[in-house]
């Protein structure tokens, strides 16, 4: 196991987007990875492309391919050059081989269908193959499901993957840090992912314990209604 960890490139990360909801997490993750100096490989499943279009208005091809212009339009001119996008059917791409060193594979969001196929070693696209490679090479595999509620099948598949060494990191933001907006909630989950990748970062607030003087419930001032950073509310 230690030898496998040594034969990785921590500054190279594969991010796979699937048909689960929660692509705002993937967007923030990619941006933060690049800001931390990582080279990001990206692939989107066909179902993921549909959800990405619906949730964030980003246009990807039917096979999940993103042209350079689309990447710039989505992530901006400073982030996009550090992201290499592959179509979901590009099984010949570097992430499909164990000889391509990477510091981690993150499926965010991870649909239950993708999770099930990864759990049984069924690779139908580059996203699933990259996850399969991470498992066989004993590398960092992080799955970020958002589905709720969870069936017995979902839970059994997650347990199976956890026993293989994968990290199941549900998109469950905390509220103890008093989030000001939805960006804070997204950042809380993204910070957890970056922690699992072993990257030092400043995303999200870390728990420092309760203040010495408990707040007076009668004088408690609740935070403003949640909203996105640009002022939009859910």
C-alpha atoms as a PDB file:
ATOM      1  CA  UNK A   1       0.000   0.000   0.000  1.00  0.00           C
ATOM      2  CA  UNK A   2       2.765   2.451   0.900  1.00  0.00           C
ATOM      3  CA  UNK A   3       4.570   1.738  -2.374  1.00  0.00           C
ATOM      4  CA  UNK A   4       1.381   2.520  -4.300  1.00  0.00           C
ATOM      5  CA  UNK A   5       0.974   5.806  -2.445  1.00  0.00           C
ATOM      6  CA  UNK A   6       4.550   6.753  -3.357  1.00  0.00           C
ATOM      7  CA  UNK A   7       3.893   6.076  -7.039  1.00  0.00           C
ATOM      8  CA  UNK A   8       1.282   8.790  -7.406  1.00  0.00           C
ATOM      9  CA  UNK A   9       1.290  12.381  -8.527  1.00  0.00           C
ATOM     10  CA  UNK A  10      -0.638  14.261  -5.857  1.00  0.00           C
ATOM     11  CA  UNK A  11      -0.880  17.318  -8.098  1.00  0.00           C
ATOM     12  CA  UNK A  12      -2.820  15.417 -10.756  1.00  0.00           C
ATOM     13  CA  UNK A  13      -6.499  14.731 -10.041  1.00  0.00           C
ATOM     14  CA  UNK A  14      -9.230  13.131 -12.152  1.00  0.00           C
ATOM     15  CA  UNK A  15     -12.745  14.502 -11.653  1.00  0.00           C
ATOM     16  CA  UNK A  16     -15.708  12.589 -13.056  1.00  0.00           C
ATOM     17  CA  UNK A  17     -19.190  14.113 -13.288  1.00  0.00           C
ATOM     18  CA  UNK A  18     -22.177  11.783 -13.476  1.00  0.00           C
ATOM     19  CA  UNK A  19     -25.958  12.048 -13.617  1.00  0.00           C
ATOM     20  CA  UNK A  20     -26.419  12.789  -9.928  1.00  0.00           C
ATOM     21  CA  UNK A  21     -27.539  16.216  -8.787  1.00  0.00           C
ATOM     22  CA  UNK A  22     -25.018  18.588  -7.238  1.00  0.00           C
ATOM     23  CA  UNK A  23     -22.757  19.805 -10.041  1.00  0.00           C
ATOM     24  CA  UNK A  24     -22.084  22.996  -8.081  1.00  0.00           C
ATOM     25  CA  UNK A  25     -19.822  20.849  -5.900  1.00  0.00           C
ATOM     26  CA  UNK A  26     -17.856  19.688  -8.944  1.00  0.00           C
ATOM     27  CA  UNK A  27     -17.507  23.216 -10.282  1.00  0.00           C
ATOM     28  CA  UNK A  28     -16.105  24.524  -6.994  1.00  0.00           C
ATOM     29  CA  UNK A  29     -13.859  21.484  -6.615  1.00  0.00           C
ATOM     30  CA  UNK A  30     -12.283  21.978 -10.040  1.00  0.00           C
ATOM     31  CA  UNK A  31     -11.683  25.675  -9.390  1.00  0.00           C
ATOM     32  CA  UNK A  32     -10.080  25.035  -6.002  1.00  0.00           C
ATOM     33  CA  UNK A  33      -7.898  22.214  -7.339  1.00  0.00           C
ATOM     34  CA  UNK A  34      -6.489  24.476 -10.043  1.00  0.00           C
ATOM     35  CA  UNK A  35      -5.924  27.271  -7.533  1.00  0.00           C
ATOM     36  CA  UNK A  36      -3.914  24.794  -5.467  1.00  0.00           C
ATOM     37  CA  UNK A  37      -1.688  24.066  -8.451  1.00  0.00           C
ATOM     38  CA  UNK A  38      -3.270  20.794  -9.561  1.00  0.00           C
ATOM     39  CA  UNK A  39      -3.641  19.570 -13.114  1.00  0.00           C
ATOM     40  CA  UNK A  40      -7.215  18.373 -13.519  1.00  0.00           C
ATOM     41  CA  UNK A  41      -8.453  15.695 -15.901  1.00  0.00           C
ATOM     42  CA  UNK A  42     -12.207  15.871 -16.411  1.00  0.00           C
ATOM     43  CA  UNK A  43     -14.810  13.584 -17.917  1.00  0.00           C
ATOM     44  CA  UNK A  44     -18.596  13.823 -17.909  1.00  0.00           C
ATOM     45  CA  UNK A  45     -21.026  10.993 -18.559  1.00  0.00           C
ATOM     46  CA  UNK A  46     -23.920  11.605 -21.000  1.00  0.00           C
ATOM     47  CA  UNK A  47     -26.350  11.749 -18.066  1.00  0.00           C
ATOM     48  CA  UNK A  48     -23.963  14.077 -16.284  1.00  0.00           C
ATOM     49  CA  UNK A  49     -23.944  16.391 -19.299  1.00  0.00           C
ATOM     50  CA  UNK A  50     -27.728  16.697 -19.100  1.00  0.00           C
ATOM     51  CA  UNK A  51     -27.665  17.531 -15.391  1.00  0.00           C
ATOM     52  CA  UNK A  52     -24.775  19.970 -15.872  1.00  0.00           C
ATOM     53  CA  UNK A  53     -26.791  21.788 -18.521  1.00  0.00           C
ATOM     54  CA  UNK A  54     -29.900  21.871 -16.328  1.00  0.00           C
ATOM     55  CA  UNK A  55     -28.222  22.938 -13.072  1.00  0.00           C
ATOM     56  CA  UNK A  56     -25.446  25.253 -14.276  1.00  0.00           C
ATOM     57  CA  UNK A  57     -26.368  26.063 -17.882  1.00  0.00           C
ATOM     58  CA  UNK A  58     -23.139  24.535 -19.228  1.00  0.00           C
ATOM     59  CA  UNK A  59     -23.405  22.994 -22.684  1.00  0.00           C
ATOM     60  CA  UNK A  60     -21.547  19.713 -23.203  1.00  0.00           C
ATOM     61  CA  UNK A  61     -21.812  17.327 -26.148  1.00  0.00           C
ATOM     62  CA  UNK A  62     -24.000  14.233 -26.125  1.00  0.00           C
ATOM     63  CA  UNK A  63     -20.958  12.157 -25.114  1.00  0.00           C
ATOM     64  CA  UNK A  64     -20.074  14.626 -22.382  1.00  0.00           C
ATOM     65  CA  UNK A  65     -17.281  16.253 -24.366  1.00  0.00           C
ATOM     66  CA  UNK A  66     -16.376  19.868 -23.574  1.00  0.00           C
ATOM     67  CA  UNK A  67     -14.619  21.948 -26.214  1.00  0.00           C
ATOM     68  CA  UNK A  68     -12.028  24.511 -25.045  1.00  0.00           C
ATOM     69  CA  UNK A  69     -14.443  27.380 -25.644  1.00  0.00           C
ATOM     70  CA  UNK A  70     -17.076  25.675 -23.490  1.00  0.00           C
ATOM     71  CA  UNK A  71     -14.523  25.120 -20.725  1.00  0.00           C
ATOM     72  CA  UNK A  72     -13.545  28.796 -20.758  1.00  0.00           C
ATOM     73  CA  UNK A  73     -17.192  29.838 -20.735  1.00  0.00           C
ATOM     74  CA  UNK A  74     -17.826  27.619 -17.739  1.00  0.00           C
ATOM     75  CA  UNK A  75     -14.686  27.928 -15.614  1.00  0.00           C
ATOM     76  CA  UNK A  76     -13.118  31.144 -16.882  1.00  0.00           C
ATOM     77  CA  UNK A  77      -9.902  31.867 -18.757  1.00  0.00           C
ATOM     78  CA  UNK A  78      -7.663  31.454 -15.692  1.00  0.00           C
ATOM     79  CA  UNK A  79      -8.945  28.013 -14.667  1.00  0.00           C
ATOM     80  CA  UNK A  80      -9.807  26.339 -17.991  1.00  0.00           C
ATOM     81  CA  UNK A  81      -6.225  26.020 -19.362  1.00  0.00           C
ATOM     82  CA  UNK A  82      -5.367  23.751 -16.428  1.00  0.00           C
ATOM     83  CA  UNK A  83      -8.275  21.391 -17.102  1.00  0.00           C
ATOM     84  CA  UNK A  84      -8.044  18.630 -19.698  1.00  0.00           C
ATOM     85  CA  UNK A  85     -11.472  17.360 -20.698  1.00  0.00           C
ATOM     86  CA  UNK A  86     -12.123  13.926 -22.193  1.00  0.00           C
ATOM     87  CA  UNK A  87     -15.315  12.539 -23.717  1.00  0.00           C
ATOM     88  CA  UNK A  88     -16.895   9.792 -21.639  1.00  0.00           C
ATOM     89  CA  UNK A  89     -16.279   7.272 -24.425  1.00  0.00           C
ATOM     90  CA  UNK A  90     -12.540   8.100 -24.665  1.00  0.00           C
ATOM     91  CA  UNK A  91     -11.445   4.882 -22.981  1.00  0.00           C
ATOM     92  CA  UNK A  92      -8.031   5.300 -24.610  1.00  0.00           C
ATOM     93  CA  UNK A  93      -7.364   8.441 -22.530  1.00  0.00           C
ATOM     94  CA  UNK A  94      -4.515   8.416 -19.954  1.00  0.00           C
ATOM     95  CA  UNK A  95      -6.817   8.100 -16.885  1.00  0.00           C
ATOM     96  CA  UNK A  96      -7.893   4.661 -18.134  1.00  0.00           C
ATOM     97  CA  UNK A  97      -4.444   3.200 -17.460  1.00  0.00           C
ATOM     98  CA  UNK A  98      -2.754   2.435 -14.177  1.00  0.00           C
ATOM     99  CA  UNK A  99       0.503   3.731 -15.648  1.00  0.00           C
ATOM    100  CA  UNK A 100      -0.967   7.237 -15.601  1.00  0.00           C
ATOM    101  CA  UNK A 101      -0.092   8.493 -12.120  1.00  0.00           C
ATOM    102  CA  UNK A 102      -2.694  10.488 -10.247  1.00  0.00           C
ATOM    103  CA  UNK A 103      -3.166  11.733  -6.730  1.00  0.00           C
ATOM    104  CA  UNK A 104      -6.829  10.839  -6.716  1.00  0.00           C
ATOM    105  CA  UNK A 105     -10.033  10.108  -8.579  1.00  0.00           C
ATOM    106  CA  UNK A 106     -13.140  11.988  -7.471  1.00  0.00           C
ATOM    107  CA  UNK A 107     -16.619  11.199  -8.792  1.00  0.00           C
ATOM    108  CA  UNK A 108     -18.598  14.305  -7.915  1.00  0.00           C
ATOM    109  CA  UNK A 109     -21.502  14.059  -7.964  1.00  0.00           C
ATOM    110  CA  UNK A 110     -21.693  10.271  -8.077  1.00  0.00           C
ATOM    111  CA  UNK A 111     -25.002   8.775  -9.178  1.00  0.00           C
ATOM    112  CA  UNK A 112     -26.224   5.518  -7.686  1.00  0.00           C
ATOM    113  CA  UNK A 113     -25.958   3.833 -11.090  1.00  0.00           C
ATOM    114  CA  UNK A 114     -22.309   4.815 -11.442  1.00  0.00           C
ATOM    115  CA  UNK A 115     -21.610   3.795  -7.852  1.00  0.00           C
ATOM    116  CA  UNK A 116     -23.174   0.381  -8.460  1.00  0.00           C
ATOM    117  CA  UNK A 117     -21.142  -0.238 -11.614  1.00  0.00           C
ATOM    118  CA  UNK A 118     -17.907   0.789  -9.901  1.00  0.00           C
ATOM    119  CA  UNK A 119     -18.747  -1.528  -6.988  1.00  0.00           C
ATOM    120  CA  UNK A 120     -18.907  -4.561  -9.292  1.00  0.00           C
ATOM    121  CA  UNK A 121     -16.081  -3.563 -11.639  1.00  0.00           C
ATOM    122  CA  UNK A 122     -18.294  -2.805 -14.644  1.00  0.00           C
ATOM    123  CA  UNK A 123     -16.641  -0.002 -16.634  1.00  0.00           C
ATOM    124  CA  UNK A 124     -18.861   1.379 -19.394  1.00  0.00           C
ATOM    125  CA  UNK A 125     -17.137   4.766 -19.799  1.00  0.00           C
ATOM    126  CA  UNK A 126     -13.996   6.699 -18.854  1.00  0.00           C
ATOM    127  CA  UNK A 127     -15.418   7.872 -15.518  1.00  0.00           C
ATOM    128  CA  UNK A 128     -16.089   4.326 -14.356  1.00  0.00           C
ATOM    129  CA  UNK A 129     -12.796   3.063 -15.774  1.00  0.00           C
ATOM    130  CA  UNK A 130     -10.820   5.756 -13.928  1.00  0.00           C
ATOM    131  CA  UNK A 131     -12.509   4.689 -10.693  1.00  0.00           C
ATOM    132  CA  UNK A 132     -11.755   1.039 -11.453  1.00  0.00           C
ATOM    133  CA  UNK A 133      -8.086   1.900 -12.018  1.00  0.00           C
ATOM    134  CA  UNK A 134      -7.933   3.761  -8.702  1.00  0.00           C
ATOM    135  CA  UNK A 135      -9.244   0.676  -6.911  1.00  0.00           C
ATOM    136  CA  UNK A 136      -6.904  -1.801  -8.568  1.00  0.00           C
ATOM    137  CA  UNK A 137      -3.881   0.462  -8.081  1.00  0.00           C
ATOM    138  CA  UNK A 138      -4.856   1.150  -4.445  1.00  0.00           C
ATOM    139  CA  UNK A 139      -5.089   4.875  -5.091  1.00  0.00           C
ATOM    140  CA  UNK A 140      -7.318   7.529  -3.615  1.00  0.00           C
ATOM    141  CA  UNK A 141     -10.919   7.077  -4.812  1.00  0.00           C
ATOM    142  CA  UNK A 142     -13.539   9.478  -3.483  1.00  0.00           C
ATOM    143  CA  UNK A 143     -17.223   9.060  -4.309  1.00  0.00           C
ATOM    144  CA  UNK A 144     -19.562  11.966  -3.569  1.00  0.00           C
ATOM    145  CA  UNK A 145     -23.181  10.753  -3.658  1.00  0.00           C
ATOM    146  CA  UNK A 146     -26.089  13.100  -3.082  1.00  0.00           C
ATOM    147  CA  UNK A 147     -28.978  10.635  -3.353  1.00  0.00           C
ATOM    148  CA  UNK A 148     -31.504  10.559  -0.519  1.00  0.00           C
ATOM    149  CA  UNK A 149     -33.123   8.532   0.912  1.00  0.00           C
ATOM    150  CA  UNK A 150     -30.872   5.516   0.375  1.00  0.00           C
ATOM    151  CA  UNK A 151     -32.117   2.015  -0.346  1.00  0.00           C
ATOM    152  CA  UNK A 152     -30.584  -1.172   1.000  1.00  0.00           C
ATOM    153  CA  UNK A 153     -28.941  -1.703  -2.395  1.00  0.00           C
ATOM    154  CA  UNK A 154     -27.351   1.762  -2.271  1.00  0.00           C
ATOM    155  CA  UNK A 155     -26.018   1.166   1.235  1.00  0.00           C
ATOM    156  CA  UNK A 156     -24.659  -2.280   0.381  1.00  0.00           C
ATOM    157  CA  UNK A 157     -22.838  -0.896  -2.653  1.00  0.00           C
ATOM    158  CA  UNK A 158     -21.323   1.894  -0.559  1.00  0.00           C
ATOM    159  CA  UNK A 159     -20.209  -0.591   2.095  1.00  0.00           C
ATOM    160  CA  UNK A 160     -18.671  -2.808  -0.573  1.00  0.00           C
ATOM    161  CA  UNK A 161     -16.654   0.116  -1.948  1.00  0.00           C
ATOM    162  CA  UNK A 162     -15.631   1.327   1.503  1.00  0.00           C
ATOM    163  CA  UNK A 163     -14.253  -2.129   2.248  1.00  0.00           C
ATOM    164  CA  UNK A 164     -12.220  -1.906  -0.968  1.00  0.00           C
ATOM    165  CA  UNK A 165     -10.620   1.282   0.293  1.00  0.00           C
ATOM    166  CA  UNK A 166     -12.755   3.932  -1.402  1.00  0.00           C
ATOM    167  CA  UNK A 167     -13.954   6.976   0.527  1.00  0.00           C
ATOM    168  CA  UNK A 168     -17.714   7.526   0.532  1.00  0.00           C
ATOM    169  CA  UNK A 169     -18.123  11.262   1.078  1.00  0.00           C
ATOM    170  CA  UNK A 170     -21.810  12.216   0.806  1.00  0.00           C
ATOM    171  CA  UNK A 171     -22.669  15.772  -0.158  1.00  0.00           C
ATOM    172  CA  UNK A 172     -23.866  16.571   3.365  1.00  0.00           C
ATOM    173  CA  UNK A 173     -22.796  20.097   4.332  1.00  0.00           C
ATOM    174  CA  UNK A 174     -22.682  21.023   7.995  1.00  0.00           C
ATOM    175  CA  UNK A 175     -24.391  24.018   9.588  1.00  0.00           C
ATOM    176  CA  UNK A 176     -22.292  24.385  12.751  1.00  0.00           C
ATOM    177  CA  UNK A 177     -20.050  26.900  10.978  1.00  0.00           C
ATOM    178  CA  UNK A 178     -23.032  29.229  10.468  1.00  0.00           C
ATOM    179  CA  UNK A 179     -22.984  29.337   6.641  1.00  0.00           C
ATOM    180  CA  UNK A 180     -23.763  32.740   5.176  1.00  0.00           C
ATOM    181  CA  UNK A 181     -24.867  31.490   1.760  1.00  0.00           C
ATOM    182  CA  UNK A 182     -24.974  28.427  -0.471  1.00  0.00           C
ATOM    183  CA  UNK A 183     -21.368  29.008  -1.497  1.00  0.00           C
ATOM    184  CA  UNK A 184     -20.378  28.362   2.133  1.00  0.00           C
ATOM    185  CA  UNK A 185     -22.342  25.100   2.129  1.00  0.00           C
ATOM    186  CA  UNK A 186     -20.723  23.977  -1.117  1.00  0.00           C
ATOM    187  CA  UNK A 187     -17.316  24.971   0.226  1.00  0.00           C
ATOM    188  CA  UNK A 188     -17.822  22.847   3.339  1.00  0.00           C
ATOM    189  CA  UNK A 189     -18.162  19.680   1.246  1.00  0.00           C
ATOM    190  CA  UNK A 190     -15.391  20.652  -1.177  1.00  0.00           C
ATOM    191  CA  UNK A 191     -13.062  21.276   1.749  1.00  0.00           C
ATOM    192  CA  UNK A 192     -13.734  17.733   2.962  1.00  0.00           C
ATOM    193  CA  UNK A 193     -12.805  16.378  -0.482  1.00  0.00           C
ATOM    194  CA  UNK A 194      -9.570  18.368  -0.543  1.00  0.00           C
ATOM    195  CA  UNK A 195      -8.735  17.022   2.919  1.00  0.00           C
ATOM    196  CA  UNK A 196      -9.113  13.456   1.657  1.00  0.00           C
ATOM    197  CA  UNK A 197      -6.828  14.275  -1.267  1.00  0.00           C
ATOM    198  CA  UNK A 198      -4.188  15.363   1.221  1.00  0.00           C
ATOM    199  CA  UNK A 199      -4.072  18.942  -0.034  1.00  0.00           C
ATOM    200  CA  UNK A 200      -3.505  21.909   2.255  1.00  0.00           C
ATOM    201  CA  UNK A 201      -6.199  24.494   1.587  1.00  0.00           C
ATOM    202  CA  UNK A 202      -8.209  27.321   3.060  1.00  0.00           C
ATOM    203  CA  UNK A 203     -11.633  26.332   1.761  1.00  0.00           C
ATOM    204  CA  UNK A 204     -14.320  26.510   4.415  1.00  0.00           C
ATOM    205  CA  UNK A 205     -14.069  27.177   8.133  1.00  0.00           C
ATOM    206  CA  UNK A 206     -12.520  24.617  10.458  1.00  0.00           C
ATOM    207  CA  UNK A 207     -14.170  23.896  13.788  1.00  0.00           C
ATOM    208  CA  UNK A 208     -12.405  25.635  16.670  1.00  0.00           C
ATOM    209  CA  UNK A 209     -14.819  24.650  19.410  1.00  0.00           C
ATOM    210  CA  UNK A 210     -17.634  26.577  21.056  1.00  0.00           C
ATOM    211  CA  UNK A 211     -16.924  30.092  22.301  1.00  0.00           C
ATOM    212  CA  UNK A 212     -16.092  30.426  26.001  1.00  0.00           C
ATOM    213  CA  UNK A 213     -19.274  32.380  26.669  1.00  0.00           C
ATOM    214  CA  UNK A 214     -22.443  30.640  25.452  1.00  0.00           C
ATOM    215  CA  UNK A 215     -24.684  32.812  23.357  1.00  0.00           C
ATOM    216  CA  UNK A 216     -27.805  34.209  24.979  1.00  0.00           C
ATOM    217  CA  UNK A 217     -30.759  32.456  23.272  1.00  0.00           C
ATOM    218  CA  UNK A 218     -32.890  35.555  23.825  1.00  0.00           C
ATOM    219  CA  UNK A 219     -30.370  37.698  21.981  1.00  0.00           C
ATOM    220  CA  UNK A 220     -29.463  35.200  19.262  1.00  0.00           C
ATOM    221  CA  UNK A 221     -29.269  36.812  15.857  1.00  0.00           C
ATOM    222  CA  UNK A 222     -29.902  34.150  13.199  1.00  0.00           C
ATOM    223  CA  UNK A 223     -28.017  34.360   9.897  1.00  0.00           C
ATOM    224  CA  UNK A 224     -29.649  35.906   6.862  1.00  0.00           C
ATOM    225  CA  UNK A 225     -31.564  33.604   4.481  1.00  0.00           C
ATOM    226  CA  UNK A 226     -29.240  31.448   2.401  1.00  0.00           C
ATOM    227  CA  UNK A 227     -28.380  32.650  -1.066  1.00  0.00           C
ATOM    228  CA  UNK A 228     -25.784  32.090  -3.745  1.00  0.00           C
ATOM    229  CA  UNK A 229     -22.755  34.368  -3.867  1.00  0.00           C
ATOM    230  CA  UNK A 230     -24.289  36.358  -6.716  1.00  0.00           C
ATOM    231  CA  UNK A 231     -27.410  37.146  -4.690  1.00  0.00           C
ATOM    232  CA  UNK A 232     -29.667  34.393  -6.041  1.00  0.00           C
ATOM    233  CA  UNK A 233     -31.748  32.450  -3.549  1.00  0.00           C
ATOM    234  CA  UNK A 234     -32.784  28.802  -3.884  1.00  0.00           C
END
